[in-house]
Amino acid sequence: MHVYEVLKRPVVTEKTMIATDTFNKVTFEVDMRANKLQVKEAVETAFDVEVLDVHIMVMPAKTARRGNQIRMRQSKWKKAIVTLAPGDSIQLFEGV
């Protein structure tokens, strides 16, 4: 897998922005086939920062019910929480 195929998008929620400000952790949605080493290499290459730690988790699929029918509302996806070295930062939104 190519380095630029690993990261899909940043996950921007209130909780992730607090973690970014407080603990210097950034959250990304990553490819389902990616492992910790590939995520670390992709973040270091794309943003020119030093990565100290990577935590990966698979977020479960969300379902919806209407009567007897159960359908998928959102498929499962993989999330990576990346801890950056002190002094490093990733500017997701400049000027906001």
C-alpha atoms as a PDB file:
ATOM      1  CA  MET A   1       0.000   0.000   0.000  1.00  0.00           C
ATOM      2  CA  HIS A   2       1.324   3.420  -0.968  1.00  0.00           C
ATOM      3  CA  VAL A   3       2.011   5.951   1.795  1.00  0.00           C
ATOM      4  CA  TYR A   4      -0.584   8.427   0.521  1.00  0.00           C
ATOM      5  CA  GLU A   5      -3.343   5.781   0.372  1.00  0.00           C
ATOM      6  CA  VAL A   6      -3.213   5.123   4.135  1.00  0.00           C
ATOM      7  CA  LEU A   7      -4.713   8.384   5.449  1.00  0.00           C
ATOM      8  CA  LYS A   8      -8.232   9.143   4.262  1.00  0.00           C
ATOM      9  CA  ARG A   9      -9.326  12.210   6.248  1.00  0.00           C
ATOM     10  CA  PRO A  10      -8.926  13.847   9.657  1.00  0.00           C
ATOM     11  CA  VAL A  11     -11.656  13.149  12.198  1.00  0.00           C
ATOM     12  CA  VAL A  12     -12.790  16.538  13.501  1.00  0.00           C
ATOM     13  CA  THR A  13     -15.064  16.438  16.544  1.00  0.00           C
ATOM     14  CA  GLU A  14     -15.101  18.324  19.820  1.00  0.00           C
ATOM     15  CA  LYS A  15     -13.391  15.423  21.571  1.00  0.00           C
ATOM     16  CA  THR A  16     -10.586  15.132  19.001  1.00  0.00           C
ATOM     17  CA  MET A  17      -9.954  18.883  19.012  1.00  0.00           C
ATOM     18  CA  ILE A  18      -9.614  18.846  22.828  1.00  0.00           C
ATOM     19  CA  ALA A  19      -7.152  15.922  22.531  1.00  0.00           C
ATOM     20  CA  THR A  20      -5.189  17.878  19.923  1.00  0.00           C
ATOM     21  CA  ASP A  21      -4.945  20.970  22.097  1.00  0.00           C
ATOM     22  CA  THR A  22      -4.329  19.193  25.410  1.00  0.00           C
ATOM     23  CA  PHE A  23      -2.364  16.023  24.631  1.00  0.00           C
ATOM     24  CA  ASN A  24      -0.941  16.739  21.138  1.00  0.00           C
ATOM     25  CA  LYS A  25      -2.920  13.834  19.597  1.00  0.00           C
ATOM     26  CA  VAL A  26      -4.417  13.910  16.107  1.00  0.00           C
ATOM     27  CA  THR A  27      -7.130  11.545  14.861  1.00  0.00           C
ATOM     28  CA  PHE A  28      -7.426  10.241  11.286  1.00  0.00           C
ATOM     29  CA  GLU A  29      -9.684   7.871   9.400  1.00  0.00           C
ATOM     30  CA  VAL A  30      -7.345   5.336   7.786  1.00  0.00           C
ATOM     31  CA  ASP A  31      -7.626   2.514   5.282  1.00  0.00           C
ATOM     32  CA  MET A  32      -8.963  -0.768   6.704  1.00  0.00           C
ATOM     33  CA  ARG A  33      -5.805  -2.610   5.551  1.00  0.00           C
ATOM     34  CA  ALA A  34      -3.388  -0.198   7.270  1.00  0.00           C
ATOM     35  CA  ASN A  35      -1.386  -1.154  10.366  1.00  0.00           C
ATOM     36  CA  LYS A  36       0.378   0.992  12.982  1.00  0.00           C
ATOM     37  CA  LEU A  37       3.709   1.123  11.161  1.00  0.00           C
ATOM     38  CA  GLN A  38       2.092   2.233   7.901  1.00  0.00           C
ATOM     39  CA  VAL A  39       0.082   4.948   9.694  1.00  0.00           C
ATOM     40  CA  LYS A  40       3.205   6.227  11.452  1.00  0.00           C
ATOM     41  CA  GLU A  41       5.154   6.374   8.179  1.00  0.00           C
ATOM     42  CA  ALA A  42       2.267   8.084   6.351  1.00  0.00           C
ATOM     43  CA  VAL A  43       1.846  10.820   8.984  1.00  0.00           C
ATOM     44  CA  GLU A  44       5.589  11.472   9.199  1.00  0.00           C
ATOM     45  CA  THR A  45       5.873  11.670   5.406  1.00  0.00           C
ATOM     46  CA  ALA A  46       2.773  13.766   4.760  1.00  0.00           C
ATOM     47  CA  PHE A  47       3.133  16.312   7.576  1.00  0.00           C
ATOM     48  CA  ASP A  48       6.890  16.247   8.356  1.00  0.00           C
ATOM     49  CA  VAL A  49       6.434  15.569  12.094  1.00  0.00           C
ATOM     50  CA  GLU A  50       7.755  12.987  14.567  1.00  0.00           C
ATOM     51  CA  VAL A  51       5.219  10.371  15.720  1.00  0.00           C
ATOM     52  CA  LEU A  52       5.657   8.905  19.205  1.00  0.00           C
ATOM     53  CA  ASP A  53       2.691   6.532  19.414  1.00  0.00           C
ATOM     54  CA  VAL A  54      -0.191   5.198  17.303  1.00  0.00           C
ATOM     55  CA  HIS A  55      -3.444   3.694  18.579  1.00  0.00           C
ATOM     56  CA  ILE A  56      -5.760   2.019  16.060  1.00  0.00           C
ATOM     57  CA  MET A  57      -9.364   0.987  16.530  1.00  0.00           C
ATOM     58  CA  VAL A  58     -12.112  -0.318  14.254  1.00  0.00           C
ATOM     59  CA  MET A  59     -15.340   1.599  14.635  1.00  0.00           C
ATOM     60  CA  PRO A  60     -18.395  -0.688  14.331  1.00  0.00           C
ATOM     61  CA  ALA A  61     -21.021  -0.450  11.623  1.00  0.00           C
ATOM     62  CA  LYS A  62     -24.197   1.470  12.385  1.00  0.00           C
ATOM     63  CA  THR A  63     -27.535  -0.125  11.576  1.00  0.00           C
ATOM     64  CA  ALA A  64     -31.047   1.225  11.213  1.00  0.00           C
ATOM     65  CA  ARG A  65     -34.366  -0.573  11.683  1.00  0.00           C
ATOM     66  CA  ARG A  66     -37.692  -0.033  10.005  1.00  0.00           C
ATOM     67  CA  GLY A  67     -40.151  -2.699  11.085  1.00  0.00           C
ATOM     68  CA  ASN A  68     -38.555  -6.094  10.506  1.00  0.00           C
ATOM     69  CA  GLN A  69     -35.944  -4.772   8.122  1.00  0.00           C
ATOM     70  CA  ILE A  70     -32.411  -4.119   9.355  1.00  0.00           C
ATOM     71  CA  ARG A  71     -30.127  -2.198   7.034  1.00  0.00           C
ATOM     72  CA  MET A  72     -26.656  -0.722   7.262  1.00  0.00           C
ATOM     73  CA  ARG A  73     -26.607   3.037   7.737  1.00  0.00           C
ATOM     74  CA  GLN A  74     -22.803   3.291   7.862  1.00  0.00           C
ATOM     75  CA  SER A  75     -20.203   0.581   7.279  1.00  0.00           C
ATOM     76  CA  LYS A  76     -17.366  -0.074   9.710  1.00  0.00           C
ATOM     77  CA  TRP A  77     -14.215   2.038   9.461  1.00  0.00           C
ATOM     78  CA  LYS A  78     -10.778   2.269  11.048  1.00  0.00           C
ATOM     79  CA  LYS A  79      -9.606   5.184  13.191  1.00  0.00           C
ATOM     80  CA  ALA A  80      -6.028   6.010  14.224  1.00  0.00           C
ATOM     81  CA  ILE A  81      -5.062   8.298  17.102  1.00  0.00           C
ATOM     82  CA  VAL A  82      -1.514   9.578  16.554  1.00  0.00           C
ATOM     83  CA  THR A  83       0.567  11.087  19.369  1.00  0.00           C
ATOM     84  CA  LEU A  84       3.025  13.710  18.136  1.00  0.00           C
ATOM     85  CA  ALA A  85       6.335  14.681  19.698  1.00  0.00           C
ATOM     86  CA  PRO A  86       6.362  17.784  21.920  1.00  0.00           C
ATOM     87  CA  GLY A  87       6.748  20.875  19.772  1.00  0.00           C
ATOM     88  CA  ASP A  88       5.299  19.265  16.625  1.00  0.00           C
ATOM     89  CA  SER A  89       1.819  20.115  15.384  1.00  0.00           C
ATOM     90  CA  ILE A  90      -0.402  19.587  12.380  1.00  0.00           C
ATOM     91  CA  GLN A  91      -2.443  22.571  11.213  1.00  0.00           C
ATOM     92  CA  LEU A  92      -5.680  21.057   9.933  1.00  0.00           C
ATOM     93  CA  PHE A  93      -7.499  24.382   9.562  1.00  0.00           C
ATOM     94  CA  GLU A  94      -5.445  27.519   9.182  1.00  0.00           C
ATOM     95  CA  GLY A  95      -7.001  30.821  10.170  1.00  0.00           C
ATOM     96  CA  VAL A  96     -10.034  29.342  11.943  1.00  0.00           C
END
